[in-house]
Amino acid sequence: MACWKTLIGTRLRARSFSAQKTEVAIGVAALNRLLSVARPHSVRKQVKSV
């Protein structure tokens, strides 16, 4: 929630409900993109059995 408030703000700026839905969708898309960039891409290491 802190990331959302930092990125988008504490309140919606749009007046109509449809514009508010659009504003939230844009905010969610931006937040998801930022989180996907920051998420590490880990690969499982193959362990050789002797």
PDB file of N, CA and C in Angstrom:
ATOM      1  N   MET A   1       0.828  -1.191   0.000  1.00  0.00           N
ATOM      2  CA  MET A   1       0.000   0.000   0.000  1.00  0.00           C
ATOM      3  C   MET A   1       0.874   1.257   0.000  1.00  0.00           C
ATOM      4  N   ALA A   2       2.008   1.187   0.644  1.00  0.00           N
ATOM      5  CA  ALA A   2       2.894   2.351   0.665  1.00  0.00           C
ATOM      6  C   ALA A   2       3.429   2.648  -0.732  1.00  0.00           C
ATOM      7  N   CYS A   3       3.736   1.606  -1.493  1.00  0.00           N
ATOM      8  CA  CYS A   3       4.201   1.819  -2.874  1.00  0.00           C
ATOM      9  C   CYS A   3       3.102   2.468  -3.698  1.00  0.00           C
ATOM     10  N   TRP A   4       1.869   2.014  -3.511  1.00  0.00           N
ATOM     11  CA  TRP A   4       0.732   2.582  -4.248  1.00  0.00           C
ATOM     12  C   TRP A   4       0.581   4.067  -3.921  1.00  0.00           C
ATOM     13  N   LYS A   5       0.601   4.406  -2.649  1.00  0.00           N
ATOM     14  CA  LYS A   5       0.408   5.798  -2.231  1.00  0.00           C
ATOM     15  C   LYS A   5       1.562   6.687  -2.689  1.00  0.00           C
ATOM     16  N   THR A   6       2.769   6.143  -2.733  1.00  0.00           N
ATOM     17  CA  THR A   6       3.906   6.911  -3.202  1.00  0.00           C
ATOM     18  C   THR A   6       3.817   7.154  -4.700  1.00  0.00           C
ATOM     19  N   LEU A   7       3.444   6.123  -5.431  1.00  0.00           N
ATOM     20  CA  LEU A   7       3.396   6.213  -6.886  1.00  0.00           C
ATOM     21  C   LEU A   7       2.175   6.984  -7.379  1.00  0.00           C
ATOM     22  N   ILE A   8       1.005   6.665  -6.870  1.00  0.00           N
ATOM     23  CA  ILE A   8      -0.247   7.212  -7.375  1.00  0.00           C
ATOM     24  C   ILE A   8      -0.725   8.414  -6.571  1.00  0.00           C
ATOM     25  N   GLY A   9      -0.589   8.349  -5.287  1.00  0.00           N
ATOM     26  CA  GLY A   9      -1.065   9.426  -4.432  1.00  0.00           C
ATOM     27  C   GLY A   9      -2.060   8.877  -3.417  1.00  0.00           C
ATOM     28  N   THR A  10      -2.536   9.750  -2.561  1.00  0.00           N
ATOM     29  CA  THR A  10      -3.424   9.297  -1.485  1.00  0.00           C
ATOM     30  C   THR A  10      -4.894   9.288  -1.880  1.00  0.00           C
ATOM     31  N   ARG A  11      -5.239   9.939  -3.001  1.00  0.00           N
ATOM     32  CA  ARG A  11      -6.646   9.951  -3.404  1.00  0.00           C
ATOM     33  C   ARG A  11      -6.752   9.975  -4.921  1.00  0.00           C
ATOM     34  N   LEU A  12      -7.943   9.638  -5.405  1.00  0.00           N
ATOM     35  CA  LEU A  12      -8.201   9.666  -6.841  1.00  0.00           C
ATOM     36  C   LEU A  12      -8.494  11.098  -7.271  1.00  0.00           C
ATOM     37  N   ARG A  13      -8.090  11.433  -8.471  1.00  0.00           N
ATOM     38  CA  ARG A  13      -8.309  12.783  -8.975  1.00  0.00           C
ATOM     39  C   ARG A  13      -9.525  12.876  -9.886  1.00  0.00           C
ATOM     40  N   ALA A  14      -9.939  11.755 -10.459  1.00  0.00           N
ATOM     41  CA  ALA A  14     -11.067  11.751 -11.391  1.00  0.00           C
ATOM     42  C   ALA A  14     -12.385  11.913 -10.633  1.00  0.00           C
ATOM     43  N   ARG A  15     -13.378  12.496 -11.298  1.00  0.00           N
ATOM     44  CA  ARG A  15     -14.676  12.722 -10.651  1.00  0.00           C
ATOM     45  C   ARG A  15     -15.673  11.611 -10.938  1.00  0.00           C
ATOM     46  N   SER A  16     -15.784  11.197 -12.185  1.00  0.00           N
ATOM     47  CA  SER A  16     -16.782  10.173 -12.518  1.00  0.00           C
ATOM     48  C   SER A  16     -16.250   8.787 -12.163  1.00  0.00           C
ATOM     49  N   PHE A  17     -17.178   7.866 -11.936  1.00  0.00           N
ATOM     50  CA  PHE A  17     -16.796   6.524 -11.508  1.00  0.00           C
ATOM     51  C   PHE A  17     -16.026   5.789 -12.601  1.00  0.00           C
ATOM     52  N   SER A  18     -16.430   5.960 -13.853  1.00  0.00           N
ATOM     53  CA  SER A  18     -15.721   5.275 -14.944  1.00  0.00           C
ATOM     54  C   SER A  18     -14.295   5.816 -15.085  1.00  0.00           C
ATOM     55  N   ALA A  19     -14.120   7.115 -14.899  1.00  0.00           N
ATOM     56  CA  ALA A  19     -12.776   7.696 -14.950  1.00  0.00           C
ATOM     57  C   ALA A  19     -11.941   7.240 -13.757  1.00  0.00           C
ATOM     58  N   GLN A  20     -12.564   7.042 -12.597  1.00  0.00           N
ATOM     59  CA  GLN A  20     -11.854   6.530 -11.432  1.00  0.00           C
ATOM     60  C   GLN A  20     -11.380   5.104 -11.673  1.00  0.00           C
ATOM     61  N   LYS A  21     -12.238   4.299 -12.313  1.00  0.00           N
ATOM     62  CA  LYS A  21     -11.848   2.921 -12.632  1.00  0.00           C
ATOM     63  C   LYS A  21     -10.653   2.911 -13.583  1.00  0.00           C
ATOM     64  N   THR A  22     -10.665   3.816 -14.561  1.00  0.00           N
ATOM     65  CA  THR A  22      -9.547   3.911 -15.492  1.00  0.00           C
ATOM     66  C   THR A  22      -8.279   4.348 -14.777  1.00  0.00           C
ATOM     67  N   GLU A  23      -8.401   5.319 -13.882  1.00  0.00           N
ATOM     68  CA  GLU A  23      -7.250   5.804 -13.127  1.00  0.00           C
ATOM     69  C   GLU A  23      -6.644   4.692 -12.278  1.00  0.00           C
ATOM     70  N   VAL A  24      -7.479   3.896 -11.650  1.00  0.00           N
ATOM     71  CA  VAL A  24      -6.992   2.788 -10.827  1.00  0.00           C
ATOM     72  C   VAL A  24      -6.337   1.730 -11.701  1.00  0.00           C
ATOM     73  N   ALA A  25      -6.926   1.430 -12.862  1.00  0.00           N
ATOM     74  CA  ALA A  25      -6.340   0.429 -13.760  1.00  0.00           C
ATOM     75  C   ALA A  25      -4.958   0.852 -14.239  1.00  0.00           C
ATOM     76  N   ILE A  26      -4.791   2.126 -14.555  1.00  0.00           N
ATOM     77  CA  ILE A  26      -3.485   2.624 -14.973  1.00  0.00           C
ATOM     78  C   ILE A  26      -2.487   2.528 -13.832  1.00  0.00           C
ATOM     79  N   GLY A  27      -2.918   2.877 -12.624  1.00  0.00           N
ATOM     80  CA  GLY A  27      -2.041   2.783 -11.456  1.00  0.00           C
ATOM     81  C   GLY A  27      -1.613   1.362 -11.161  1.00  0.00           C
ATOM     82  N   VAL A  28      -2.549   0.431 -11.276  1.00  0.00           N
ATOM     83  CA  VAL A  28      -2.239  -0.980 -11.028  1.00  0.00           C
ATOM     84  C   VAL A  28      -1.261  -1.495 -12.073  1.00  0.00           C
ATOM     85  N   ALA A  29      -1.463  -1.122 -13.333  1.00  0.00           N
ATOM     86  CA  ALA A  29      -0.546  -1.557 -14.393  1.00  0.00           C
ATOM     87  C   ALA A  29       0.859  -1.017 -14.159  1.00  0.00           C
ATOM     88  N   ALA A  30       0.954   0.234 -13.757  1.00  0.00           N
ATOM     89  CA  ALA A  30       2.269   0.826 -13.485  1.00  0.00           C
ATOM     90  C   ALA A  30       2.943   0.155 -12.299  1.00  0.00           C
ATOM     91  N   LEU A  31       2.189  -0.092 -11.238  1.00  0.00           N
ATOM     92  CA  LEU A  31       2.743  -0.736 -10.050  1.00  0.00           C
ATOM     93  C   LEU A  31       3.182  -2.167 -10.356  1.00  0.00           C
ATOM     94  N   ASN A  32       2.381  -2.905 -11.119  1.00  0.00           N
ATOM     95  CA  ASN A  32       2.755  -4.273 -11.497  1.00  0.00           C
ATOM     96  C   ASN A  32       4.016  -4.289 -12.339  1.00  0.00           C
ATOM     97  N   ARG A  33       4.155  -3.320 -13.237  1.00  0.00           N
ATOM     98  CA  ARG A  33       5.357  -3.263 -14.062  1.00  0.00           C
ATOM     99  C   ARG A  33       6.582  -2.975 -13.203  1.00  0.00           C
ATOM    100  N   LEU A  34       6.462  -2.044 -12.262  1.00  0.00           N
ATOM    101  CA  LEU A  34       7.593  -1.741 -11.376  1.00  0.00           C
ATOM    102  C   LEU A  34       7.975  -2.949 -10.533  1.00  0.00           C
ATOM    103  N   LEU A  35       6.982  -3.672 -10.040  1.00  0.00           N
ATOM    104  CA  LEU A  35       7.270  -4.844  -9.217  1.00  0.00           C
ATOM    105  C   LEU A  35       7.898  -5.962 -10.043  1.00  0.00           C
ATOM    106  N   SER A  36       7.474  -6.109 -11.295  1.00  0.00           N
ATOM    107  CA  SER A  36       8.054  -7.161 -12.130  1.00  0.00           C
ATOM    108  C   SER A  36       9.507  -6.851 -12.483  1.00  0.00           C
ATOM    109  N   VAL A  37       9.844  -5.579 -12.607  1.00  0.00           N
ATOM    110  CA  VAL A  37      11.230  -5.201 -12.886  1.00  0.00           C
ATOM    111  C   VAL A  37      12.101  -5.460 -11.662  1.00  0.00           C
ATOM    112  N   ALA A  38      11.574  -5.228 -10.481  1.00  0.00           N
ATOM    113  CA  ALA A  38      12.354  -5.379  -9.253  1.00  0.00           C
ATOM    114  C   ALA A  38      12.440  -6.824  -8.777  1.00  0.00           C
ATOM    115  N   ARG A  39      11.572  -7.696  -9.279  1.00  0.00           N
ATOM    116  CA  ARG A  39      11.553  -9.088  -8.837  1.00  0.00           C
ATOM    117  C   ARG A  39      12.755  -9.834  -9.418  1.00  0.00           C
ATOM    118  N   PRO A  40      13.499 -10.582  -8.603  1.00  0.00           N
ATOM    119  CA  PRO A  40      14.661 -11.302  -9.122  1.00  0.00           C
ATOM    120  C   PRO A  40      14.232 -12.484  -9.999  1.00  0.00           C
ATOM    121  N   HIS A  41      15.010 -12.752 -11.012  1.00  0.00           N
ATOM    122  CA  HIS A  41      14.767 -13.896 -11.885  1.00  0.00           C
ATOM    123  C   HIS A  41      15.688 -15.020 -11.426  1.00  0.00           C
ATOM    124  N   SER A  42      15.172 -15.886 -10.577  1.00  0.00           N
ATOM    125  CA  SER A  42      15.999 -16.945 -10.022  1.00  0.00           C
ATOM    126  C   SER A  42      15.836 -18.219 -10.838  1.00  0.00           C
ATOM    127  N   VAL A  43      16.915 -18.977 -10.911  1.00  0.00           N
ATOM    128  CA  VAL A  43      16.926 -20.237 -11.644  1.00  0.00           C
ATOM    129  C   VAL A  43      17.390 -21.307 -10.682  1.00  0.00           C
ATOM    130  N   ARG A  44      16.686 -22.427 -10.679  1.00  0.00           N
ATOM    131  CA  ARG A  44      17.059 -23.518  -9.787  1.00  0.00           C
ATOM    132  C   ARG A  44      18.339 -24.174 -10.285  1.00  0.00           C
ATOM    133  N   LYS A  45      19.263 -24.379  -9.382  1.00  0.00           N
ATOM    134  CA  LYS A  45      20.564 -24.958  -9.734  1.00  0.00           C
ATOM    135  C   LYS A  45      20.445 -26.476  -9.747  1.00  0.00           C
ATOM    136  N   GLN A  46      20.998 -27.079 -10.782  1.00  0.00           N
ATOM    137  CA  GLN A  46      21.005 -28.534 -10.898  1.00  0.00           C
ATOM    138  C   GLN A  46      22.083 -29.104  -9.969  1.00  0.00           C
ATOM    139  N   VAL A  47      21.711 -30.083  -9.170  1.00  0.00           N
ATOM    140  CA  VAL A  47      22.649 -30.718  -8.243  1.00  0.00           C
ATOM    141  C   VAL A  47      23.022 -32.072  -8.818  1.00  0.00           C
ATOM    142  N   LYS A  48      24.322 -32.291  -8.985  1.00  0.00           N
ATOM    143  CA  LYS A  48      24.811 -33.570  -9.519  1.00  0.00           C
ATOM    144  C   LYS A  48      24.937 -34.566  -8.370  1.00  0.00           C
ATOM    145  N   SER A  49      24.320 -35.698  -8.553  1.00  0.00           N
ATOM    146  CA  SER A  49      24.456 -36.745  -7.525  1.00  0.00           C
ATOM    147  C   SER A  49      25.608 -37.669  -7.901  1.00  0.00           C
ATOM    148  N   VAL A  50      26.416 -38.017  -6.901  1.00  0.00           N
ATOM    149  CA  VAL A  50      27.610 -38.834  -7.139  1.00  0.00           C
ATOM    150  C   VAL A  50      27.358 -40.239  -6.785  1.00  0.00           C
TER     151      VAL A  50
END
